[in-house]
C-alpha cells in the first residue's frame, strides 16, 4: 500500500518556497544544519573562523556584506575539498583594497586557524568544511533579503562582543594622526545604544522608547537598520525570549522586503 503523502499547510508551503528561493539554483556548498560541528570538539575552530570574519568586517570599515562573506566561505570550502588549501601567508602590512574583500576574509580565517592549530591538533579538511558550512547556515538564518545585507554580520558582532572579543583598526606608525571630528549620532547608533541600555537595565520605559523609535524608523523606510540592530541585540544574548519580544518588530521590518521573518530561525 502506498504511503500517503503528508499535506503541507499554506504557511509550510510558503516557508518551503522561501528556503528554496534563498538557496537558488546553485549546486555549490550548502549550509550545515546538524549538531556535530556545533559541539565542544569544534567550538574553538568555529569561533576562530567567526573572529576572522569579524576582523574583516572591522578592517573594511564595516562595509563587508553578508553576500561577500558567503562567497568567501564557499571559495574556501572548494579549496579545502580540492586539497589546494594553504596556510595564511605572512603579511607585514595588510592592505584593504576594494574588490578584494573575499581574499582578505579568507586570509583572516586561515590566520586564525593557523594560530589555533599551532597549539592543538588540526582538524581534517572535511571537518573544517563542516565548520564553514555551519557559518553558512548562520548567514542564511540572520541575513536579510537586501543585496547589501549585514544582518548576519550585526548578529555576529553582537555575539562576539558579548563574548569579550574586541577588534579595532590600528593605524600604521607612519600614518599622520588626525583628530577626528565628532560626528552626529545616526538613528541606527541611537537605537543600538538604547537597545543595549534596555538589555542592561531591563527598564520598561527604555524598552517602550526603543520600540517606538524602531517603529518610527521602519515607517521612514529604515527597515534594514532596525533588522541589523535587533539581530545585534539577539547576538548579545542568544535568548529565545528576546527573539520573541523582537518578533513583531522584525515581522514589520521584513514585510518591506516582501518576505516573512522567522522561516529559517531555530
Protein backbone atom coordinates (compact mmCIF):
# COMPACT_ATOMS: atom_id res chain seq x y z
CA UNK A 1 0.00 0.00 0.00
CA UNK A 2 1.46 3.38 -0.99
CA UNK A 3 2.26 5.74 1.85
CA UNK A 4 0.02 8.81 1.83
CA UNK A 5 1.99 11.99 1.26
CA UNK A 6 1.70 14.48 4.12
CA UNK A 7 -0.19 17.60 3.07
CA UNK A 8 1.64 20.83 3.84
CA UNK A 9 -0.16 23.82 5.30
CA UNK A 10 -0.16 27.11 3.46
CA UNK A 11 2.42 28.52 5.88
CA UNK A 12 4.67 25.47 5.47
CA UNK A 13 4.48 25.79 1.68
CA UNK A 14 5.38 29.47 1.89
CA UNK A 15 8.38 28.77 4.10
CA UNK A 16 9.47 25.93 1.83
CA UNK A 17 9.37 28.26 -1.19
CA UNK A 18 11.34 30.91 0.70
CA UNK A 19 14.07 28.43 1.63
CA UNK A 20 14.25 27.27 -1.97
CA UNK A 21 14.49 30.86 -3.23
CA UNK A 22 17.27 31.64 -0.78
CA UNK A 23 19.25 28.60 -1.88
CA UNK A 24 18.73 29.50 -5.53
CA UNK A 25 19.87 27.10 -8.22
CA UNK A 26 23.49 26.96 -7.08
CA UNK A 27 24.96 23.49 -6.64
CA UNK A 28 27.81 24.86 -4.51
CA UNK A 29 28.42 24.21 -0.80
CA UNK A 30 25.19 24.14 1.22
CA UNK A 31 24.57 25.17 4.86
CA UNK A 32 25.05 22.51 7.54
CA UNK A 33 22.15 22.22 9.99
CA UNK A 34 23.29 19.24 12.04
CA UNK A 35 24.78 19.30 15.51
CA UNK A 36 28.19 17.66 15.01
CA UNK A 37 30.22 20.77 14.17
CA UNK A 38 28.50 22.84 16.85
CA UNK A 39 29.82 20.54 19.57
CA UNK A 40 32.66 21.05 22.05
CA UNK A 41 35.27 19.37 19.85
CA UNK A 42 34.93 22.00 17.13
CA UNK A 43 33.83 25.07 19.09
CA UNK A 44 37.24 26.78 19.11
CA UNK A 45 37.81 26.30 15.37
CA UNK A 46 34.31 27.62 14.71
CA UNK A 47 34.85 30.65 16.93
CA UNK A 48 38.24 31.45 15.41
CA UNK A 49 36.69 31.38 11.92
CA UNK A 50 34.00 33.76 13.16
CA UNK A 51 36.67 36.02 14.68
CA UNK A 52 38.37 36.12 11.27
CA UNK A 53 35.09 37.23 9.71
CA UNK A 54 34.56 39.88 12.38
CA UNK A 55 38.12 41.17 11.90
CA UNK A 56 37.47 41.53 8.18
CA UNK A 57 34.23 43.39 8.91
CA UNK A 58 36.07 45.92 11.07
CA UNK A 59 39.04 46.21 8.69
CA UNK A 60 36.67 47.11 5.84
CA UNK A 61 35.07 49.87 7.95
CA UNK A 62 32.01 47.60 8.30
CA UNK A 63 31.40 47.74 4.56
CA UNK A 64 31.74 43.96 4.17
CA UNK A 65 28.39 42.35 3.33
CA UNK A 66 26.80 39.00 4.14
CA UNK A 67 26.93 38.08 0.45
CA UNK A 68 30.70 38.66 0.34
CA UNK A 69 31.16 36.52 3.46
CA UNK A 70 29.11 33.76 1.86
CA UNK A 71 31.16 33.93 -1.36
CA UNK A 72 34.44 33.88 0.59
CA UNK A 73 33.40 30.86 2.66
CA UNK A 74 32.28 28.92 -0.40
CA UNK A 75 35.59 29.62 -2.11
CA UNK A 76 37.48 28.43 0.98
CA UNK A 77 35.34 25.28 1.12
CA UNK A 78 36.20 24.49 -2.50
CA UNK A 79 39.91 24.82 -1.69
CA UNK A 80 39.58 22.50 1.31
CA UNK A 81 37.70 19.93 -0.75
CA UNK A 82 40.13 20.05 -3.68
CA UNK A 83 43.23 19.83 -1.47
CA UNK A 84 44.57 23.21 -2.64
CA UNK A 85 44.08 24.89 0.75
CA UNK A 86 47.23 26.55 2.10
CA UNK A 87 48.04 28.27 5.43
CA UNK A 88 47.95 32.07 5.53
CA UNK A 89 50.96 33.81 4.02
CA UNK A 90 52.89 36.28 6.16
CA UNK A 91 51.84 39.91 5.66
CA UNK A 92 53.75 42.75 7.29
CA UNK A 93 51.12 45.21 6.10
CA UNK A 94 47.50 44.31 5.47
CA UNK A 95 46.02 46.29 2.60
CA UNK A 96 42.28 46.66 2.43
CA UNK A 97 41.53 47.00 -1.26
CA UNK A 98 38.04 47.48 -2.71
CA UNK A 99 37.06 44.35 -4.59
CA UNK A 100 39.45 42.12 -2.63
CA UNK A 101 37.27 41.65 0.45
CA UNK A 102 36.81 37.90 -0.04
CA UNK A 103 40.59 37.42 -0.27
CA UNK A 104 41.02 39.36 2.97
CA UNK A 105 38.29 37.29 4.60
CA UNK A 106 39.96 34.02 3.55
CA UNK A 107 43.33 35.23 4.82
CA UNK A 108 41.91 36.24 8.21
CA UNK A 109 40.21 32.87 8.71
CA UNK A 110 43.39 30.98 7.71
CA UNK A 111 45.48 33.14 10.04
CA UNK A 112 43.16 32.45 12.97
CA UNK A 113 43.20 28.72 12.25
CA UNK A 114 47.00 28.70 11.91
CA UNK A 115 47.26 30.31 15.34
CA UNK A 116 44.80 27.84 16.88
CA UNK A 117 46.35 24.72 15.35
CA UNK A 118 49.82 25.75 16.45
CA UNK A 119 48.76 24.68 19.95
CA UNK A 120 46.35 21.81 19.27
CA UNK A 121 45.84 19.06 16.66
CA UNK A 122 44.49 20.31 13.34
CA UNK A 123 41.05 19.20 12.24
CA UNK A 124 40.78 17.41 8.91
CA UNK A 125 39.83 19.33 5.77
CA UNK A 126 36.44 17.61 5.83
CA UNK A 127 35.82 18.83 9.38
CA UNK A 128 36.90 22.37 8.50
CA UNK A 129 34.42 22.27 5.62
CA UNK A 130 31.70 21.24 8.08
CA UNK A 131 32.60 24.18 10.34
CA UNK A 132 32.36 26.66 7.47
CA UNK A 133 29.03 25.18 6.42
CA UNK A 134 27.73 25.86 9.96
CA UNK A 135 28.56 29.53 9.35
CA UNK A 136 26.74 29.37 6.00
CA UNK A 137 23.70 28.20 7.96
CA UNK A 138 24.05 31.19 10.31
CA UNK A 139 24.24 33.54 7.32
CA UNK A 140 21.06 32.01 5.88
CA UNK A 141 19.37 32.43 9.25
CA UNK A 142 20.33 36.03 10.04
CA UNK A 143 20.87 37.64 6.64
CA UNK A 144 18.16 39.87 5.20
CA UNK A 145 16.91 39.81 1.58
CA UNK A 146 18.79 43.04 0.76
CA UNK A 147 21.71 42.70 -1.67
CA UNK A 148 23.97 44.56 0.78
CA UNK A 149 22.61 42.77 3.84
CA UNK A 150 24.71 42.89 7.01
CA UNK A 151 22.14 41.19 9.22
CA UNK A 152 24.40 38.20 9.90
CA UNK A 153 27.43 40.45 10.49
CA UNK A 154 25.48 42.53 13.00
CA UNK A 155 24.37 39.38 14.81
CA UNK A 156 27.97 38.13 14.81
CA UNK A 157 29.32 41.41 16.18
CA UNK A 158 26.78 41.36 19.00
CA UNK A 159 27.63 37.75 19.83
CA UNK A 160 31.41 38.19 19.80
CA UNK A 161 31.48 41.49 21.70
CA UNK A 162 29.35 39.88 24.40
CA UNK A 163 31.89 37.03 24.49
CA UNK A 164 34.66 39.59 25.13
CA UNK A 165 36.14 39.78 21.62
CA UNK A 166 37.37 43.28 20.77
CA UNK A 167 38.60 44.22 17.31
CA UNK A 168 39.94 47.69 16.45
CA UNK A 169 41.82 49.07 13.48
CA UNK A 170 45.34 50.23 14.43
CA UNK A 171 46.92 52.93 12.20
CA UNK A 172 50.43 52.42 10.84
CA UNK A 173 53.27 54.20 12.64
CA UNK A 174 53.96 56.44 9.65
CA UNK A 175 50.35 57.47 9.17
CA UNK A 176 49.71 61.07 10.26
CA UNK A 177 47.45 61.33 13.27
CA UNK A 178 44.38 63.39 12.71
CA UNK A 179 41.87 64.35 15.31
CA UNK A 180 38.52 63.01 14.24
CA UNK A 181 35.63 65.39 14.17
CA UNK A 182 32.75 64.31 16.34
CA UNK A 183 30.00 63.10 14.05
CA UNK A 184 26.32 63.37 14.78
CA UNK A 185 24.87 60.11 16.06
CA UNK A 186 22.87 58.25 13.42
CA UNK A 187 19.41 56.81 14.01
CA UNK A 188 20.92 53.32 13.89
CA UNK A 189 23.56 54.15 16.52
CA UNK A 190 20.93 55.79 18.73
CA UNK A 191 18.66 52.75 18.51
CA UNK A 192 21.51 50.34 19.27
CA UNK A 193 22.60 52.33 22.35
CA UNK A 194 19.01 52.41 23.58
CA UNK A 195 18.65 48.67 22.98
CA UNK A 196 21.83 47.90 24.91
CA UNK A 197 20.64 50.08 27.78
CA UNK A 198 17.32 48.23 27.78
CA UNK A 199 19.10 44.85 27.95
CA UNK A 200 21.36 46.05 30.76
CA UNK A 201 18.71 47.72 32.93
CA UNK A 202 15.54 45.83 31.89
CA UNK A 203 13.82 49.20 32.29
CA UNK A 204 10.25 49.10 30.97
CA UNK A 205 10.29 52.76 29.93
CA UNK A 206 13.51 52.35 27.93
CA UNK A 207 12.00 49.27 26.27
CA UNK A 208 8.91 51.30 25.30
CA UNK A 209 11.09 54.08 23.84
CA UNK A 210 13.17 51.51 21.93
CA UNK A 211 10.08 50.02 20.29
CA UNK A 212 8.64 53.44 19.47
CA UNK A 213 11.89 54.58 17.85
CA UNK A 214 12.21 51.31 15.92
CA UNK A 215 8.64 51.54 14.62
CA UNK A 216 9.22 55.14 13.52
CA UNK A 217 12.37 54.12 11.67
CA UNK A 218 10.51 51.32 9.87
CA UNK A 219 7.82 53.79 8.80
CA UNK A 220 10.59 56.08 7.48
CA UNK A 221 11.97 53.28 5.31
CA UNK A 222 14.84 52.25 7.61
CA UNK A 223 13.74 48.63 7.98
CA UNK A 224 17.23 47.28 7.22
CA UNK A 225 18.74 49.35 10.05
CA UNK A 226 16.12 48.11 12.51
CA UNK A 227 16.76 44.48 11.50
CA UNK A 228 20.51 45.00 11.95
CA UNK A 229 20.07 46.38 15.47
CA UNK A 230 17.59 43.70 16.53
CA UNK A 231 19.93 40.97 15.35
CA UNK A 232 22.90 42.65 17.06
CA UNK A 233 20.92 42.57 20.32
CA UNK A 234 19.93 38.93 19.78
CA UNK A 235 23.62 38.14 19.28
CA UNK A 236 24.32 39.78 22.64
CA UNK A 237 22.04 37.38 24.49
CA UNK A 238 21.15 34.40 22.24
CA UNK A 239 17.98 34.36 24.35
CA UNK A 240 14.83 32.96 22.73
CA UNK A 241 12.74 35.20 24.99
CA UNK A 242 14.35 38.27 23.40
CA UNK A 243 13.73 36.85 19.92
CA UNK A 244 10.07 36.50 20.87
CA UNK A 245 9.92 40.10 22.14
CA UNK A 246 11.53 41.48 18.99
CA UNK A 247 9.49 39.26 16.69
CA UNK A 248 6.73 41.85 15.96
CA UNK A 249 9.35 44.47 15.03
CA UNK A 250 11.22 42.06 12.79
CA UNK A 251 8.00 40.92 11.15
CA UNK A 252 7.12 44.53 10.37
CA UNK A 253 10.61 45.27 9.02
CA UNK A 254 10.78 42.12 6.87
CA UNK A 255 7.38 42.98 5.41
CA UNK A 256 9.10 45.79 3.50
CA UNK A 257 11.12 43.12 1.66
CA UNK A 258 8.04 41.07 0.87
CA UNK A 259 9.16 38.02 2.85
CA UNK A 260 8.14 36.65 6.27
CA UNK A 261 10.51 36.77 9.22
CA UNK A 262 11.43 33.63 11.11
CA UNK A 263 11.14 30.93 8.46
CA UNK A 264 14.74 29.84 8.98
CA UNK A 265 15.18 30.63 12.67
CA UNK A 266 15.63 27.79 15.16
